[in-house]
Amino acid sequence: TGELSDGTEVIVLPSVLVEGSVRRGN
């Protein structure tokens, strides 16, 4: 997410996420 002031990027908020799950029976 880049936050813009009058069309100019003034703040950058990056994120990276990895998730997973395994189900066996219940």
mmCIF file of all heavy atoms, coordinates in Angstrom:
data_MODEL
# 
_entry.id   MODEL 
# 
loop_
_atom_site.group_PDB 
_atom_site.id 
_atom_site.type_symbol 
_atom_site.label_atom_id 
_atom_site.label_alt_id 
_atom_site.label_comp_id 
_atom_site.label_asym_id 
_atom_site.label_entity_id 
_atom_site.label_seq_id 
_atom_site.pdbx_PDB_ins_code 
_atom_site.Cartn_x 
_atom_site.Cartn_y 
_atom_site.Cartn_z 
_atom_site.occupancy 
_atom_site.B_iso_or_equiv 
_atom_site.pdbx_formal_charge 
_atom_site.auth_seq_id 
_atom_site.auth_comp_id 
_atom_site.auth_asym_id 
_atom_site.auth_atom_id 
_atom_site.pdbx_PDB_model_num 
ATOM 1   N N   . THR A 1 1  ? 0.850   -1.184  0.000  1.00 0.00 ? 1  THR A N   1 
ATOM 2   C CA  . THR A 1 1  ? 0.000   0.000   0.000  1.00 0.00 ? 1  THR A CA  1 
ATOM 3   C C   . THR A 1 1  ? 0.885   1.234   0.000  1.00 0.00 ? 1  THR A C   1 
ATOM 4   O O   . THR A 1 1  ? 1.737   1.397   0.885  1.00 0.00 ? 1  THR A O   1 
ATOM 5   C CB  . THR A 1 1  ? -0.933  0.031   1.216  1.00 0.00 ? 1  THR A CB  1 
ATOM 6   O OG1 . THR A 1 1  ? -1.884  -1.045  1.112  1.00 0.00 ? 1  THR A OG1 1 
ATOM 7   C CG2 . THR A 1 1  ? -1.693  1.352   1.300  1.00 0.00 ? 1  THR A CG2 1 
ATOM 8   N N   . GLY A 1 2  ? 0.702   2.086   -0.990 1.00 0.00 ? 2  GLY A N   1 
ATOM 9   C CA  . GLY A 1 2  ? 1.374   3.370   -1.028 1.00 0.00 ? 2  GLY A CA  1 
ATOM 10  C C   . GLY A 1 2  ? 0.376   4.463   -0.700 1.00 0.00 ? 2  GLY A C   1 
ATOM 11  O O   . GLY A 1 2  ? -0.691  4.539   -1.319 1.00 0.00 ? 2  GLY A O   1 
ATOM 12  N N   . GLU A 1 3  ? 0.678   5.303   0.294  1.00 0.00 ? 3  GLU A N   1 
ATOM 13  C CA  . GLU A 1 3  ? -0.209  6.400   0.663  1.00 0.00 ? 3  GLU A CA  1 
ATOM 14  C C   . GLU A 1 3  ? 0.200   7.645   -0.125 1.00 0.00 ? 3  GLU A C   1 
ATOM 15  O O   . GLU A 1 3  ? 1.386   7.992   -0.180 1.00 0.00 ? 3  GLU A O   1 
ATOM 16  C CB  . GLU A 1 3  ? -0.181  6.633   2.162  1.00 0.00 ? 3  GLU A CB  1 
ATOM 17  C CG  . GLU A 1 3  ? -0.653  5.409   2.945  1.00 0.00 ? 3  GLU A CG  1 
ATOM 18  C CD  . GLU A 1 3  ? -1.069  5.722   4.370  1.00 0.00 ? 3  GLU A CD  1 
ATOM 19  O OE1 . GLU A 1 3  ? -0.614  6.757   4.910  1.00 0.00 ? 3  GLU A OE1 1 
ATOM 20  O OE2 . GLU A 1 3  ? -1.846  4.942   4.940  1.00 0.00 ? 3  GLU A OE2 1 
ATOM 21  N N   . LEU A 1 4  ? -0.801  8.301   -0.720 1.00 0.00 ? 4  LEU A N   1 
ATOM 22  C CA  . LEU A 1 4  ? -0.560  9.360   -1.684 1.00 0.00 ? 4  LEU A CA  1 
ATOM 23  C C   . LEU A 1 4  ? -1.032  10.710  -1.165 1.00 0.00 ? 4  LEU A C   1 
ATOM 24  O O   . LEU A 1 4  ? -2.135  10.820  -0.596 1.00 0.00 ? 4  LEU A O   1 
ATOM 25  C CB  . LEU A 1 4  ? -1.297  9.059   -2.995 1.00 0.00 ? 4  LEU A CB  1 
ATOM 26  C CG  . LEU A 1 4  ? -1.117  7.667   -3.604 1.00 0.00 ? 4  LEU A CG  1 
ATOM 27  C CD1 . LEU A 1 4  ? -1.996  7.529   -4.838 1.00 0.00 ? 4  LEU A CD1 1 
ATOM 28  C CD2 . LEU A 1 4  ? 0.344   7.415   -3.944 1.00 0.00 ? 4  LEU A CD2 1 
ATOM 29  N N   . SER A 1 5  ? -0.222  11.726  -1.385 1.00 0.00 ? 5  SER A N   1 
ATOM 30  C CA  . SER A 1 5  ? -0.595  13.107  -1.128 1.00 0.00 ? 5  SER A CA  1 
ATOM 31  C C   . SER A 1 5  ? -0.525  13.857  -2.445 1.00 0.00 ? 5  SER A C   1 
ATOM 32  O O   . SER A 1 5  ? 0.561   14.002  -3.022 1.00 0.00 ? 5  SER A O   1 
ATOM 33  C CB  . SER A 1 5  ? 0.347   13.744  -0.095 1.00 0.00 ? 5  SER A CB  1 
ATOM 34  O OG  . SER A 1 5  ? 0.017   15.106  0.110  1.00 0.00 ? 5  SER A OG  1 
ATOM 35  N N   . ASP A 1 6  ? -1.697  14.283  -2.952 1.00 0.00 ? 6  ASP A N   1 
ATOM 36  C CA  . ASP A 1 6  ? -1.767  14.944  -4.261 1.00 0.00 ? 6  ASP A CA  1 
ATOM 37  C C   . ASP A 1 6  ? -1.102  14.114  -5.352 1.00 0.00 ? 6  ASP A C   1 
ATOM 38  O O   . ASP A 1 6  ? -0.390  14.629  -6.213 1.00 0.00 ? 6  ASP A O   1 
ATOM 39  C CB  . ASP A 1 6  ? -1.134  16.331  -4.189 1.00 0.00 ? 6  ASP A CB  1 
ATOM 40  C CG  . ASP A 1 6  ? -1.880  17.270  -3.260 1.00 0.00 ? 6  ASP A CG  1 
ATOM 41  O OD1 . ASP A 1 6  ? -3.119  17.167  -3.202 1.00 0.00 ? 6  ASP A OD1 1 
ATOM 42  O OD2 . ASP A 1 6  ? -1.227  18.089  -2.592 1.00 0.00 ? 6  ASP A OD2 1 
ATOM 43  N N   . GLY A 1 7  ? -1.306  12.795  -5.277 1.00 0.00 ? 7  GLY A N   1 
ATOM 44  C CA  . GLY A 1 7  ? -0.782  11.889  -6.286 1.00 0.00 ? 7  GLY A CA  1 
ATOM 45  C C   . GLY A 1 7  ? 0.650   11.457  -6.082 1.00 0.00 ? 7  GLY A C   1 
ATOM 46  O O   . GLY A 1 7  ? 1.143   10.605  -6.832 1.00 0.00 ? 7  GLY A O   1 
ATOM 47  N N   . THR A 1 8  ? 1.334   12.003  -5.070 1.00 0.00 ? 8  THR A N   1 
ATOM 48  C CA  . THR A 1 8  ? 2.724   11.654  -4.795 1.00 0.00 ? 8  THR A CA  1 
ATOM 49  C C   . THR A 1 8  ? 2.794   10.674  -3.641 1.00 0.00 ? 8  THR A C   1 
ATOM 50  O O   . THR A 1 8  ? 2.200   10.899  -2.582 1.00 0.00 ? 8  THR A O   1 
ATOM 51  C CB  . THR A 1 8  ? 3.556   12.901  -4.458 1.00 0.00 ? 8  THR A CB  1 
ATOM 52  O OG1 . THR A 1 8  ? 3.498   13.805  -5.559 1.00 0.00 ? 8  THR A OG1 1 
ATOM 53  C CG2 . THR A 1 8  ? 5.005   12.534  -4.176 1.00 0.00 ? 8  THR A CG2 1 
ATOM 54  N N   . GLU A 1 9  ? 3.514   9.580   -3.826 1.00 0.00 ? 9  GLU A N   1 
ATOM 55  C CA  . GLU A 1 9  ? 3.633   8.554   -2.789 1.00 0.00 ? 9  GLU A CA  1 
ATOM 56  C C   . GLU A 1 9  ? 4.536   9.049   -1.666 1.00 0.00 ? 9  GLU A C   1 
ATOM 57  O O   . GLU A 1 9  ? 5.706   9.354   -1.887 1.00 0.00 ? 9  GLU A O   1 
ATOM 58  C CB  . GLU A 1 9  ? 4.192   7.275   -3.405 1.00 0.00 ? 9  GLU A CB  1 
ATOM 59  C CG  . GLU A 1 9  ? 4.039   6.049   -2.546 1.00 0.00 ? 9  GLU A CG  1 
ATOM 60  C CD  . GLU A 1 9  ? 4.381   4.791   -3.312 1.00 0.00 ? 9  GLU A CD  1 
ATOM 61  O OE1 . GLU A 1 9  ? 5.578   4.540   -3.522 1.00 0.00 ? 9  GLU A OE1 1 
ATOM 62  O OE2 . GLU A 1 9  ? 3.446   4.061   -3.695 1.00 0.00 ? 9  GLU A OE2 1 
ATOM 63  N N   . VAL A 1 10 ? 3.979   9.119   -0.452 1.00 0.00 ? 10 VAL A N   1 
ATOM 64  C CA  . VAL A 1 10 ? 4.731   9.632   0.691  1.00 0.00 ? 10 VAL A CA  1 
ATOM 65  C C   . VAL A 1 10 ? 5.016   8.562   1.737  1.00 0.00 ? 10 VAL A C   1 
ATOM 66  O O   . VAL A 1 10 ? 5.908   8.725   2.575  1.00 0.00 ? 10 VAL A O   1 
ATOM 67  C CB  . VAL A 1 10 ? 3.991   10.817  1.342  1.00 0.00 ? 10 VAL A CB  1 
ATOM 68  C CG1 . VAL A 1 10 ? 3.944   12.002  0.384  1.00 0.00 ? 10 VAL A CG1 1 
ATOM 69  C CG2 . VAL A 1 10 ? 2.581   10.430  1.781  1.00 0.00 ? 10 VAL A CG2 1 
ATOM 70  N N   . ILE A 1 11 ? 4.259   7.469   1.726  1.00 0.00 ? 11 ILE A N   1 
ATOM 71  C CA  . ILE A 1 11 ? 4.442   6.377   2.688  1.00 0.00 ? 11 ILE A CA  1 
ATOM 72  C C   . ILE A 1 11 ? 4.265   5.063   1.938  1.00 0.00 ? 11 ILE A C   1 
ATOM 73  O O   . ILE A 1 11 ? 3.359   4.941   1.102  1.00 0.00 ? 11 ILE A O   1 
ATOM 74  C CB  . ILE A 1 11 ? 3.429   6.454   3.849  1.00 0.00 ? 11 ILE A CB  1 
ATOM 75  C CG1 . ILE A 1 11 ? 3.626   7.738   4.665  1.00 0.00 ? 11 ILE A CG1 1 
ATOM 76  C CG2 . ILE A 1 11 ? 3.550   5.236   4.765  1.00 0.00 ? 11 ILE A CG2 1 
ATOM 77  C CD1 . ILE A 1 11 ? 2.543   7.958   5.704  1.00 0.00 ? 11 ILE A CD1 1 
ATOM 78  N N   . VAL A 1 12 ? 5.110   4.079   2.218  1.00 0.00 ? 12 VAL A N   1 
ATOM 79  C CA  . VAL A 1 12 ? 4.999   2.750   1.615  1.00 0.00 ? 12 VAL A CA  1 
ATOM 80  C C   . VAL A 1 12 ? 4.867   1.725   2.728  1.00 0.00 ? 12 VAL A C   1 
ATOM 81  O O   . VAL A 1 12 ? 5.690   1.688   3.659  1.00 0.00 ? 12 VAL A O   1 
ATOM 82  C CB  . VAL A 1 12 ? 6.217   2.423   0.735  1.00 0.00 ? 12 VAL A CB  1 
ATOM 83  C CG1 . VAL A 1 12 ? 6.099   1.000   0.198  1.00 0.00 ? 12 VAL A CG1 1 
ATOM 84  C CG2 . VAL A 1 12 ? 6.336   3.419   -0.410 1.00 0.00 ? 12 VAL A CG2 1 
ATOM 85  N N   . LEU A 1 13 ? 3.835   0.887   2.638  1.00 0.00 ? 13 LEU A N   1 
ATOM 86  C CA  . LEU A 1 13 ? 3.564   -0.151  3.631  1.00 0.00 ? 13 LEU A CA  1 
ATOM 87  C C   . LEU A 1 13 ? 3.545   -1.508  2.923  1.00 0.00 ? 13 LEU A C   1 
ATOM 88  O O   . LEU A 1 13 ? 2.537   -1.885  2.320  1.00 0.00 ? 13 LEU A O   1 
ATOM 89  C CB  . LEU A 1 13 ? 2.220   0.101   4.321  1.00 0.00 ? 13 LEU A CB  1 
ATOM 90  C CG  . LEU A 1 13 ? 2.043   1.468   4.982  1.00 0.00 ? 13 LEU A CG  1 
ATOM 91  C CD1 . LEU A 1 13 ? 0.612   1.652   5.464  1.00 0.00 ? 13 LEU A CD1 1 
ATOM 92  C CD2 . LEU A 1 13 ? 3.023   1.635   6.146  1.00 0.00 ? 13 LEU A CD2 1 
ATOM 93  N N   . PRO A 1 14 ? 4.641   -2.261  2.986  1.00 0.00 ? 14 PRO A N   1 
ATOM 94  C CA  . PRO A 1 14 ? 4.688   -3.573  2.328  1.00 0.00 ? 14 PRO A CA  1 
ATOM 95  C C   . PRO A 1 14 ? 4.380   -4.710  3.311  1.00 0.00 ? 14 PRO A C   1 
ATOM 96  O O   . PRO A 1 14 ? 4.509   -4.554  4.534  1.00 0.00 ? 14 PRO A O   1 
ATOM 97  C CB  . PRO A 1 14 ? 6.133   -3.658  1.845  1.00 0.00 ? 14 PRO A CB  1 
ATOM 98  C CG  . PRO A 1 14 ? 6.899   -2.897  2.884  1.00 0.00 ? 14 PRO A CG  1 
ATOM 99  C CD  . PRO A 1 14 ? 5.976   -1.814  3.413  1.00 0.00 ? 14 PRO A CD  1 
ATOM 100 N N   . SER A 1 15 ? 3.987   -5.842  2.775  1.00 0.00 ? 15 SER A N   1 
ATOM 101 C CA  . SER A 1 15 ? 3.720   -7.019  3.602  1.00 0.00 ? 15 SER A CA  1 
ATOM 102 C C   . SER A 1 15 ? 3.974   -8.283  2.796  1.00 0.00 ? 15 SER A C   1 
ATOM 103 O O   . SER A 1 15 ? 3.641   -8.353  1.609  1.00 0.00 ? 15 SER A O   1 
ATOM 104 C CB  . SER A 1 15 ? 2.265   -7.013  4.092  1.00 0.00 ? 15 SER A CB  1 
ATOM 105 O OG  . SER A 1 15 ? 1.963   -8.197  4.805  1.00 0.00 ? 15 SER A OG  1 
ATOM 106 N N   . VAL A 1 16 ? 4.544   -9.281  3.448  1.00 0.00 ? 16 VAL A N   1 
ATOM 107 C CA  . VAL A 1 16 ? 4.713   -10.618 2.878  1.00 0.00 ? 16 VAL A CA  1 
ATOM 108 C C   . VAL A 1 16 ? 4.176   -11.610 3.901  1.00 0.00 ? 16 VAL A C   1 
ATOM 109 O O   . VAL A 1 16 ? 4.487   -11.507 5.102  1.00 0.00 ? 16 VAL A O   1 
ATOM 110 C CB  . VAL A 1 16 ? 6.181   -10.929 2.556  1.00 0.00 ? 16 VAL A CB  1 
ATOM 111 C CG1 . VAL A 1 16 ? 6.318   -12.350 2.029  1.00 0.00 ? 16 VAL A CG1 1 
ATOM 112 C CG2 . VAL A 1 16 ? 6.734   -9.935  1.545  1.00 0.00 ? 16 VAL A CG2 1 
ATOM 113 N N   . LEU A 1 17 ? 3.374   -12.565 3.446  1.00 0.00 ? 17 LEU A N   1 
ATOM 114 C CA  . LEU A 1 17 ? 2.755   -13.535 4.360  1.00 0.00 ? 17 LEU A CA  1 
ATOM 115 C C   . LEU A 1 17 ? 2.711   -14.898 3.688  1.00 0.00 ? 17 LEU A C   1 
ATOM 116 O O   . LEU A 1 17 ? 2.393   -15.010 2.499  1.00 0.00 ? 17 LEU A O   1 
ATOM 117 C CB  . LEU A 1 17 ? 1.346   -13.071 4.729  1.00 0.00 ? 17 LEU A CB  1 
ATOM 118 C CG  . LEU A 1 17 ? 0.515   -13.955 5.661  1.00 0.00 ? 17 LEU A CG  1 
ATOM 119 C CD1 . LEU A 1 17 ? -0.426  -13.094 6.518  1.00 0.00 ? 17 LEU A CD1 1 
ATOM 120 C CD2 . LEU A 1 17 ? -0.299  -14.996 4.896  1.00 0.00 ? 17 LEU A CD2 1 
ATOM 121 N N   . VAL A 1 18 ? 3.011   -15.936 4.464  1.00 0.00 ? 18 VAL A N   1 
ATOM 122 C CA  . VAL A 1 18 ? 2.878   -17.331 4.026  1.00 0.00 ? 18 VAL A CA  1 
ATOM 123 C C   . VAL A 1 18 ? 2.159   -18.094 5.129  1.00 0.00 ? 18 VAL A C   1 
ATOM 124 O O   . VAL A 1 18 ? 2.524   -17.965 6.321  1.00 0.00 ? 18 VAL A O   1 
ATOM 125 C CB  . VAL A 1 18 ? 4.240   -17.981 3.734  1.00 0.00 ? 18 VAL A CB  1 
ATOM 126 C CG1 . VAL A 1 18 ? 4.050   -19.443 3.332  1.00 0.00 ? 18 VAL A CG1 1 
ATOM 127 C CG2 . VAL A 1 18 ? 4.986   -17.225 2.638  1.00 0.00 ? 18 VAL A CG2 1 
ATOM 128 N N   . GLU A 1 19 ? 1.141   -18.856 4.772  1.00 0.00 ? 19 GLU A N   1 
ATOM 129 C CA  . GLU A 1 19 ? 0.432   -19.661 5.766  1.00 0.00 ? 19 GLU A CA  1 
ATOM 130 C C   . GLU A 1 19 ? -0.014  -20.965 5.136  1.00 0.00 ? 19 GLU A C   1 
ATOM 131 O O   . GLU A 1 19 ? -0.169  -21.072 3.911  1.00 0.00 ? 19 GLU A O   1 
ATOM 132 C CB  . GLU A 1 19 ? -0.771  -18.906 6.328  1.00 0.00 ? 19 GLU A CB  1 
ATOM 133 C CG  . GLU A 1 19 ? -1.890  -18.657 5.332  1.00 0.00 ? 19 GLU A CG  1 
ATOM 134 C CD  . GLU A 1 19 ? -3.041  -17.854 5.919  1.00 0.00 ? 19 GLU A CD  1 
ATOM 135 O OE1 . GLU A 1 19 ? -2.822  -17.085 6.882  1.00 0.00 ? 19 GLU A OE1 1 
ATOM 136 O OE2 . GLU A 1 19 ? -4.180  -17.991 5.411  1.00 0.00 ? 19 GLU A OE2 1 
ATOM 137 N N   . GLY A 1 20 ? -0.211  -21.952 5.989  1.00 0.00 ? 20 GLY A N   1 
ATOM 138 C CA  . GLY A 1 20 ? -0.663  -23.244 5.495  1.00 0.00 ? 20 GLY A CA  1 
ATOM 139 C C   . GLY A 1 20 ? -1.210  -24.092 6.619  1.00 0.00 ? 20 GLY A C   1 
ATOM 140 O O   . GLY A 1 20 ? -1.012  -23.802 7.804  1.00 0.00 ? 20 GLY A O   1 
ATOM 141 N N   . SER A 1 21 ? -1.925  -25.138 6.252  1.00 0.00 ? 21 SER A N   1 
ATOM 142 C CA  . SER A 1 21 ? -2.465  -26.069 7.240  1.00 0.00 ? 21 SER A CA  1 
ATOM 143 C C   . SER A 1 21 ? -2.615  -27.449 6.621  1.00 0.00 ? 21 SER A C   1 
ATOM 144 O O   . SER A 1 21 ? -2.706  -27.597 5.404  1.00 0.00 ? 21 SER A O   1 
ATOM 145 C CB  . SER A 1 21 ? -3.814  -25.581 7.782  1.00 0.00 ? 21 SER A CB  1 
ATOM 146 O OG  . SER A 1 21 ? -4.809  -25.628 6.777  1.00 0.00 ? 21 SER A OG  1 
ATOM 147 N N   . VAL A 1 22 ? -2.630  -28.443 7.483  1.00 0.00 ? 22 VAL A N   1 
ATOM 148 C CA  . VAL A 1 22 ? -2.819  -29.835 7.083  1.00 0.00 ? 22 VAL A CA  1 
ATOM 149 C C   . VAL A 1 22 ? -3.933  -30.411 7.944  1.00 0.00 ? 22 VAL A C   1 
ATOM 150 O O   . VAL A 1 22 ? -3.944  -30.224 9.178  1.00 0.00 ? 22 VAL A O   1 
ATOM 151 C CB  . VAL A 1 22 ? -1.526  -30.653 7.254  1.00 0.00 ? 22 VAL A CB  1 
ATOM 152 C CG1 . VAL A 1 22 ? -1.782  -32.116 6.924  1.00 0.00 ? 22 VAL A CG1 1 
ATOM 153 C CG2 . VAL A 1 22 ? -0.412  -30.092 6.374  1.00 0.00 ? 22 VAL A CG2 1 
ATOM 154 N N   . ARG A 1 23 ? -4.875  -31.118 7.326  1.00 0.00 ? 23 ARG A N   1 
ATOM 155 C CA  . ARG A 1 23 ? -5.979  -31.749 8.050  1.00 0.00 ? 23 ARG A CA  1 
ATOM 156 C C   . ARG A 1 23 ? -5.915  -33.253 7.870  1.00 0.00 ? 23 ARG A C   1 
ATOM 157 O O   . ARG A 1 23 ? -5.753  -33.754 6.754  1.00 0.00 ? 23 ARG A O   1 
ATOM 158 C CB  . ARG A 1 23 ? -7.313  -31.214 7.532  1.00 0.00 ? 23 ARG A CB  1 
ATOM 159 C CG  . ARG A 1 23 ? -8.530  -31.820 8.232  1.00 0.00 ? 23 ARG A CG  1 
ATOM 160 C CD  . ARG A 1 23 ? -9.809  -31.149 7.767  1.00 0.00 ? 23 ARG A CD  1 
ATOM 161 N NE  . ARG A 1 23 ? -9.992  -31.260 6.321  1.00 0.00 ? 23 ARG A NE  1 
ATOM 162 C CZ  . ARG A 1 23 ? -10.560 -32.303 5.721  1.00 0.00 ? 23 ARG A CZ  1 
ATOM 163 N NH1 . ARG A 1 23 ? -10.969 -33.353 6.446  1.00 0.00 ? 23 ARG A NH1 1 
ATOM 164 N NH2 . ARG A 1 23 ? -10.706 -32.322 4.409  1.00 0.00 ? 23 ARG A NH2 1 
ATOM 165 N N   . ARG A 1 24 ? -6.008  -33.964 8.981  1.00 0.00 ? 24 ARG A N   1 
ATOM 166 C CA  . ARG A 1 24 ? -6.071  -35.420 8.983  1.00 0.00 ? 24 ARG A CA  1 
ATOM 167 C C   . ARG A 1 24 ? -7.215  -35.839 9.902  1.00 0.00 ? 24 ARG A C   1 
ATOM 168 O O   . ARG A 1 24 ? -7.157  -35.611 11.113 1.00 0.00 ? 24 ARG A O   1 
ATOM 169 C CB  . ARG A 1 24 ? -4.755  -36.046 9.464  1.00 0.00 ? 24 ARG A CB  1 
ATOM 170 C CG  . ARG A 1 24 ? -3.597  -35.840 8.513  1.00 0.00 ? 24 ARG A CG  1 
ATOM 171 C CD  . ARG A 1 24 ? -3.787  -36.619 7.212  1.00 0.00 ? 24 ARG A CD  1 
ATOM 172 N NE  . ARG A 1 24 ? -2.669  -36.451 6.283  1.00 0.00 ? 24 ARG A NE  1 
ATOM 173 C CZ  . ARG A 1 24 ? -2.630  -35.521 5.339  1.00 0.00 ? 24 ARG A CZ  1 
ATOM 174 N NH1 . ARG A 1 24 ? -3.641  -34.673 5.187  1.00 0.00 ? 24 ARG A NH1 1 
ATOM 175 N NH2 . ARG A 1 24 ? -1.579  -35.427 4.533  1.00 0.00 ? 24 ARG A NH2 1 
ATOM 176 N N   . GLY A 1 25 ? -8.260  -36.401 9.310  1.00 0.00 ? 25 GLY A N   1 
ATOM 177 C CA  . GLY A 1 25 ? -9.425  -36.744 10.105 1.00 0.00 ? 25 GLY A CA  1 
ATOM 178 C C   . GLY A 1 25 ? -10.013 -35.480 10.725 1.00 0.00 ? 25 GLY A C   1 
ATOM 179 O O   . GLY A 1 25 ? -10.264 -34.489 10.047 1.00 0.00 ? 25 GLY A O   1 
ATOM 180 N N   . ASN A 1 26 ? -10.233 -35.508 12.039 1.00 0.00 ? 26 ASN A N   1 
ATOM 181 C CA  . ASN A 1 26 ? -10.779 -34.352 12.739 1.00 0.00 ? 26 ASN A CA  1 
ATOM 182 C C   . ASN A 1 26 ? -9.704  -33.397 13.249 1.00 0.00 ? 26 ASN A C   1 
ATOM 183 O O   . ASN A 1 26 ? -10.028 -32.375 13.854 1.00 0.00 ? 26 ASN A O   1 
ATOM 184 C CB  . ASN A 1 26 ? -11.641 -34.813 13.921 1.00 0.00 ? 26 ASN A CB  1 
ATOM 185 C CG  . ASN A 1 26 ? -12.929 -35.482 13.450 1.00 0.00 ? 26 ASN A CG  1 
ATOM 186 O OD1 . ASN A 1 26 ? -13.437 -35.188 12.373 1.00 0.00 ? 26 ASN A OD1 1 
ATOM 187 N ND2 . ASN A 1 26 ? -13.454 -36.388 14.260 1.00 0.00 ? 26 ASN A ND2 1 
# 
